[in-house]
């Protein structure tokens, strides 16, 4: 389990935009800190479940 936690920490601390979506629904399931900040979001909960395609077109 420590390895999984290390992987998430790696993505959180990257100086790159990282996000993941559900392959079928295109709903956002993950954004790292840098991506959240770029879109003016405070937490992952603000982005989770939103359709990535529609969401990114607005910004």
PDB file of N, CA and C in Angstrom:
ATOM      1  N   UNK A   1       0.819  -1.202   0.000  1.00  0.00           N
ATOM      2  CA  UNK A   1       0.000   0.000   0.000  1.00  0.00           C
ATOM      3  C   UNK A   1       0.859   1.260   0.000  1.00  0.00           C
ATOM      4  N   UNK A   2       2.018   1.200   0.606  1.00  0.00           N
ATOM      5  CA  UNK A   2       2.916   2.348   0.634  1.00  0.00           C
ATOM      6  C   UNK A   2       3.293   2.781  -0.772  1.00  0.00           C
ATOM      7  N   UNK A   3       3.456   1.818  -1.681  1.00  0.00           N
ATOM      8  CA  UNK A   3       3.825   2.147  -3.055  1.00  0.00           C
ATOM      9  C   UNK A   3       2.756   2.992  -3.732  1.00  0.00           C
ATOM     10  N   UNK A   4       1.492   2.667  -3.511  1.00  0.00           N
ATOM     11  CA  UNK A   4       0.390   3.437  -4.097  1.00  0.00           C
ATOM     12  C   UNK A   4       0.405   4.860  -3.550  1.00  0.00           C
ATOM     13  N   UNK A   5       0.604   5.000  -2.267  1.00  0.00           N
ATOM     14  CA  UNK A   5       0.670   6.319  -1.647  1.00  0.00           C
ATOM     15  C   UNK A   5       1.835   7.123  -2.228  1.00  0.00           C
ATOM     16  N   UNK A   6       2.962   6.459  -2.443  1.00  0.00           N
ATOM     17  CA  UNK A   6       4.129   7.130  -3.033  1.00  0.00           C
ATOM     18  C   UNK A   6       3.834   7.605  -4.452  1.00  0.00           C
ATOM     19  N   UNK A   7       3.092   6.818  -5.205  1.00  0.00           N
ATOM     20  CA  UNK A   7       2.743   7.206  -6.576  1.00  0.00           C
ATOM     21  C   UNK A   7       1.874   8.463  -6.558  1.00  0.00           C
ATOM     22  N   UNK A   8       0.851   8.496  -5.689  1.00  0.00           N
ATOM     23  CA  UNK A   8      -0.012   9.673  -5.611  1.00  0.00           C
ATOM     24  C   UNK A   8       0.781  10.897  -5.182  1.00  0.00           C
ATOM     25  N   UNK A   9       1.713  10.735  -4.245  1.00  0.00           N
ATOM     26  CA  UNK A   9       2.550  11.849  -3.804  1.00  0.00           C
ATOM     27  C   UNK A   9       3.415  12.355  -4.952  1.00  0.00           C
ATOM     28  N   UNK A  10       3.914  11.445  -5.770  1.00  0.00           N
ATOM     29  CA  UNK A  10       4.708  11.812  -6.931  1.00  0.00           C
ATOM     30  C   UNK A  10       3.908  12.732  -7.853  1.00  0.00           C
ATOM     31  N   UNK A  11       2.672  12.334  -8.169  1.00  0.00           N
ATOM     32  CA  UNK A  11       1.831  13.148  -9.047  1.00  0.00           C
ATOM     33  C   UNK A  11       1.466  14.483  -8.403  1.00  0.00           C
ATOM     34  N   UNK A  12       1.184  14.485  -7.111  1.00  0.00           N
ATOM     35  CA  UNK A  12       0.811  15.719  -6.415  1.00  0.00           C
ATOM     36  C   UNK A  12       1.926  16.749  -6.456  1.00  0.00           C
ATOM     37  N   UNK A  13       3.148  16.288  -6.395  1.00  0.00           N
ATOM     38  CA  UNK A  13       4.287  17.194  -6.301  1.00  0.00           C
ATOM     39  C   UNK A  13       4.939  17.513  -7.640  1.00  0.00           C
ATOM     40  N   UNK A  14       4.414  16.955  -8.725  1.00  0.00           N
ATOM     41  CA  UNK A  14       4.980  17.256 -10.042  1.00  0.00           C
ATOM     42  C   UNK A  14       4.727  18.710 -10.416  1.00  0.00           C
ATOM     43  N   UNK A  15       5.652  19.277 -11.143  1.00  0.00           N
ATOM     44  CA  UNK A  15       5.472  20.632 -11.642  1.00  0.00           C
ATOM     45  C   UNK A  15       4.918  20.584 -13.069  1.00  0.00           C
ATOM     46  N   UNK A  16       3.995  19.692 -13.275  1.00  0.00           N
ATOM     47  CA  UNK A  16       3.322  19.473 -14.564  1.00  0.00           C
ATOM     48  C   UNK A  16       1.830  19.327 -14.293  1.00  0.00           C
ATOM     49  N   UNK A  17       1.028  19.574 -15.318  1.00  0.00           N
ATOM     50  CA  UNK A  17      -0.417  19.381 -15.194  1.00  0.00           C
ATOM     51  C   UNK A  17      -0.730  17.897 -15.359  1.00  0.00           C
ATOM     52  N   UNK A  18      -1.405  17.328 -14.350  1.00  0.00           N
ATOM     53  CA  UNK A  18      -1.764  15.917 -14.381  1.00  0.00           C
ATOM     54  C   UNK A  18      -3.239  15.790 -14.035  1.00  0.00           C
ATOM     55  N   UNK A  19      -3.968  15.074 -14.874  1.00  0.00           N
ATOM     56  CA  UNK A  19      -5.363  14.769 -14.551  1.00  0.00           C
ATOM     57  C   UNK A  19      -5.717  13.426 -15.166  1.00  0.00           C
ATOM     58  N   UNK A  20      -6.766  12.827 -14.639  1.00  0.00           N
ATOM     59  CA  UNK A  20      -7.250  11.553 -15.159  1.00  0.00           C
ATOM     60  C   UNK A  20      -8.759  11.628 -15.275  1.00  0.00           C
ATOM     61  N   UNK A  21      -9.275  11.000 -16.332  1.00  0.00           N
ATOM     62  CA  UNK A  21     -10.721  10.964 -16.533  1.00  0.00           C
ATOM     63  C   UNK A  21     -11.181   9.529 -16.708  1.00  0.00           C
ATOM     64  N   UNK A  22     -12.455   9.308 -16.464  1.00  0.00           N
ATOM     65  CA  UNK A  22     -13.067   8.015 -16.739  1.00  0.00           C
ATOM     66  C   UNK A  22     -13.095   7.840 -18.251  1.00  0.00           C
ATOM     67  N   UNK A  23     -12.627   6.725 -18.732  1.00  0.00           N
ATOM     68  CA  UNK A  23     -12.492   6.512 -20.173  1.00  0.00           C
ATOM     69  C   UNK A  23     -13.840   6.464 -20.896  1.00  0.00           C
ATOM     70  N   UNK A  24     -14.885   6.078 -20.203  1.00  0.00           N
ATOM     71  CA  UNK A  24     -16.202   5.981 -20.847  1.00  0.00           C
ATOM     72  C   UNK A  24     -17.025   7.256 -20.725  1.00  0.00           C
ATOM     73  N   UNK A  25     -16.987   7.886 -19.551  1.00  0.00           N
ATOM     74  CA  UNK A  25     -17.845   9.059 -19.324  1.00  0.00           C
ATOM     75  C   UNK A  25     -17.106  10.379 -19.471  1.00  0.00           C
ATOM     76  N   UNK A  26     -15.795  10.345 -19.492  1.00  0.00           N
ATOM     77  CA  UNK A  26     -14.940  11.526 -19.563  1.00  0.00           C
ATOM     78  C   UNK A  26     -15.060  12.412 -18.327  1.00  0.00           C
ATOM     79  N   UNK A  27     -15.570  11.842 -17.230  1.00  0.00           N
ATOM     80  CA  UNK A  27     -15.655  12.591 -15.983  1.00  0.00           C
ATOM     81  C   UNK A  27     -14.293  12.625 -15.310  1.00  0.00           C
ATOM     82  N   UNK A  28     -13.964  13.753 -14.739  1.00  0.00           N
ATOM     83  CA  UNK A  28     -12.690  13.913 -14.048  1.00  0.00           C
ATOM     84  C   UNK A  28     -12.693  13.056 -12.785  1.00  0.00           C
ATOM     85  N   UNK A  29     -11.629  12.294 -12.607  1.00  0.00           N
ATOM     86  CA  UNK A  29     -11.484  11.495 -11.394  1.00  0.00           C
ATOM     87  C   UNK A  29     -10.275  11.940 -10.575  1.00  0.00           C
ATOM     88  N   UNK A  30      -9.343  12.661 -11.220  1.00  0.00           N
ATOM     89  CA  UNK A  30      -8.164  13.126 -10.495  1.00  0.00           C
ATOM     90  C   UNK A  30      -7.554  14.344 -11.171  1.00  0.00           C
ATOM     91  N   UNK A  31      -7.090  15.284 -10.372  1.00  0.00           N
ATOM     92  CA  UNK A  31      -6.266  16.406 -10.821  1.00  0.00           C
ATOM     93  C   UNK A  31      -5.209  16.639  -9.750  1.00  0.00           C
ATOM     94  N   UNK A  32      -3.980  16.859 -10.171  1.00  0.00           N
ATOM     95  CA  UNK A  32      -2.967  17.172  -9.171  1.00  0.00           C
ATOM     96  C   UNK A  32      -3.080  18.640  -8.767  1.00  0.00           C
ATOM     97  N   UNK A  33      -2.309  19.004  -7.781  1.00  0.00           N
ATOM     98  CA  UNK A  33      -2.372  20.353  -7.206  1.00  0.00           C
ATOM     99  C   UNK A  33      -2.143  21.440  -8.252  1.00  0.00           C
ATOM    100  N   UNK A  34      -1.157  21.256  -9.121  1.00  0.00           N
ATOM    101  CA  UNK A  34      -0.849  22.273 -10.136  1.00  0.00           C
ATOM    102  C   UNK A  34      -2.031  22.482 -11.086  1.00  0.00           C
ATOM    103  N   UNK A  35      -2.696  21.409 -11.488  1.00  0.00           N
ATOM    104  CA  UNK A  35      -3.842  21.514 -12.381  1.00  0.00           C
ATOM    105  C   UNK A  35      -5.013  22.192 -11.683  1.00  0.00           C
ATOM    106  N   UNK A  36      -5.265  21.811 -10.438  1.00  0.00           N
ATOM    107  CA  UNK A  36      -6.334  22.454  -9.680  1.00  0.00           C
ATOM    108  C   UNK A  36      -6.100  23.961  -9.596  1.00  0.00           C
ATOM    109  N   UNK A  37      -4.885  24.357  -9.291  1.00  0.00           N
ATOM    110  CA  UNK A  37      -4.566  25.780  -9.172  1.00  0.00           C
ATOM    111  C   UNK A  37      -4.752  26.502 -10.505  1.00  0.00           C
ATOM    112  N   UNK A  38      -4.361  25.859 -11.594  1.00  0.00           N
ATOM    113  CA  UNK A  38      -4.483  26.475 -12.919  1.00  0.00           C
ATOM    114  C   UNK A  38      -5.935  26.785 -13.268  1.00  0.00           C
ATOM    115  N   UNK A  39      -6.855  25.970 -12.782  1.00  0.00           N
ATOM    116  CA  UNK A  39      -8.271  26.172 -13.067  1.00  0.00           C
ATOM    117  C   UNK A  39      -9.010  26.860 -11.924  1.00  0.00           C
ATOM    118  N   UNK A  40      -8.258  27.356 -10.947  1.00  0.00           N
ATOM    119  CA  UNK A  40      -8.859  28.106  -9.849  1.00  0.00           C
ATOM    120  C   UNK A  40      -9.689  27.263  -8.910  1.00  0.00           C
ATOM    121  N   UNK A  41      -9.366  25.993  -8.800  1.00  0.00           N
ATOM    122  CA  UNK A  41     -10.111  25.090  -7.928  1.00  0.00           C
ATOM    123  C   UNK A  41      -9.380  24.905  -6.607  1.00  0.00           C
ATOM    124  N   UNK A  42     -10.135  24.726  -5.544  1.00  0.00           N
ATOM    125  CA  UNK A  42      -9.556  24.572  -4.219  1.00  0.00           C
ATOM    126  C   UNK A  42      -9.227  23.131  -3.870  1.00  0.00           C
ATOM    127  N   UNK A  43     -10.005  22.191  -4.415  1.00  0.00           N
ATOM    128  CA  UNK A  43      -9.791  20.785  -4.061  1.00  0.00           C
ATOM    129  C   UNK A  43     -10.259  19.880  -5.194  1.00  0.00           C
ATOM    130  N   UNK A  44      -9.866  18.648  -5.114  1.00  0.00           N
ATOM    131  CA  UNK A  44     -10.274  17.658  -6.104  1.00  0.00           C
ATOM    132  C   UNK A  44     -11.793  17.506  -6.123  1.00  0.00           C
ATOM    133  N   UNK A  45     -12.410  17.661  -4.983  1.00  0.00           N
ATOM    134  CA  UNK A  45     -13.872  17.540  -4.908  1.00  0.00           C
ATOM    135  C   UNK A  45     -14.572  18.575  -5.790  1.00  0.00           C
ATOM    136  N   UNK A  46     -13.936  19.708  -6.023  1.00  0.00           N
ATOM    137  CA  UNK A  46     -14.508  20.744  -6.894  1.00  0.00           C
ATOM    138  C   UNK A  46     -14.543  20.301  -8.360  1.00  0.00           C
ATOM    139  N   UNK A  47     -13.663  19.385  -8.729  1.00  0.00           N
ATOM    140  CA  UNK A  47     -13.550  18.953 -10.129  1.00  0.00           C
ATOM    141  C   UNK A  47     -14.149  17.578 -10.387  1.00  0.00           C
ATOM    142  N   UNK A  48     -14.141  16.720  -9.382  1.00  0.00           N
ATOM    143  CA  UNK A  48     -14.597  15.334  -9.556  1.00  0.00           C
ATOM    144  C   UNK A  48     -16.000  15.267 -10.132  1.00  0.00           C
ATOM    145  N   UNK A  49     -16.156  14.386 -11.112  1.00  0.00           N
ATOM    146  CA  UNK A  49     -17.470  14.143 -11.685  1.00  0.00           C
ATOM    147  C   UNK A  49     -17.851  15.068 -12.823  1.00  0.00           C
ATOM    148  N   UNK A  50     -17.104  16.138 -13.019  1.00  0.00           N
ATOM    149  CA  UNK A  50     -17.416  17.043 -14.118  1.00  0.00           C
ATOM    150  C   UNK A  50     -16.888  16.450 -15.421  1.00  0.00           C
ATOM    151  N   UNK A  51     -17.600  16.707 -16.495  1.00  0.00           N
ATOM    152  CA  UNK A  51     -17.162  16.243 -17.802  1.00  0.00           C
ATOM    153  C   UNK A  51     -15.961  17.067 -18.225  1.00  0.00           C
ATOM    154  N   UNK A  52     -14.854  16.417 -18.447  1.00  0.00           N
ATOM    155  CA  UNK A  52     -13.607  17.114 -18.758  1.00  0.00           C
ATOM    156  C   UNK A  52     -13.715  17.954 -20.020  1.00  0.00           C
ATOM    157  N   UNK A  53     -14.347  17.449 -21.046  1.00  0.00           N
ATOM    158  CA  UNK A  53     -14.426  18.174 -22.317  1.00  0.00           C
ATOM    159  C   UNK A  53     -15.215  19.472 -22.159  1.00  0.00           C
ATOM    160  N   UNK A  54     -16.351  19.414 -21.521  1.00  0.00           N
ATOM    161  CA  UNK A  54     -17.153  20.612 -21.316  1.00  0.00           C
ATOM    162  C   UNK A  54     -16.472  21.563 -20.347  1.00  0.00           C
ATOM    163  N   UNK A  55     -15.864  21.021 -19.330  1.00  0.00           N
ATOM    164  CA  UNK A  55     -15.233  21.827 -18.312  1.00  0.00           C
ATOM    165  C   UNK A  55     -14.067  22.624 -18.897  1.00  0.00           C
ATOM    166  N   UNK A  56     -13.214  21.982 -19.665  1.00  0.00           N
ATOM    167  CA  UNK A  56     -12.052  22.662 -20.214  1.00  0.00           C
ATOM    168  C   UNK A  56     -12.418  23.691 -21.274  1.00  0.00           C
ATOM    169  N   UNK A  57     -13.496  23.498 -21.965  1.00  0.00           N
ATOM    170  CA  UNK A  57     -13.923  24.490 -22.966  1.00  0.00           C
ATOM    171  C   UNK A  57     -14.338  25.793 -22.317  1.00  0.00           C
ATOM    172  N   UNK A  58     -14.816  25.731 -21.076  1.00  0.00           N
ATOM    173  CA  UNK A  58     -15.252  26.938 -20.374  1.00  0.00           C
ATOM    174  C   UNK A  58     -14.076  27.806 -19.952  1.00  0.00           C
ATOM    175  N   UNK A  59     -12.916  27.210 -19.751  1.00  0.00           N
ATOM    176  CA  UNK A  59     -11.773  27.940 -19.192  1.00  0.00           C
ATOM    177  C   UNK A  59     -10.828  28.384 -20.249  1.00  0.00           C
TER     178      UNK A  59
END
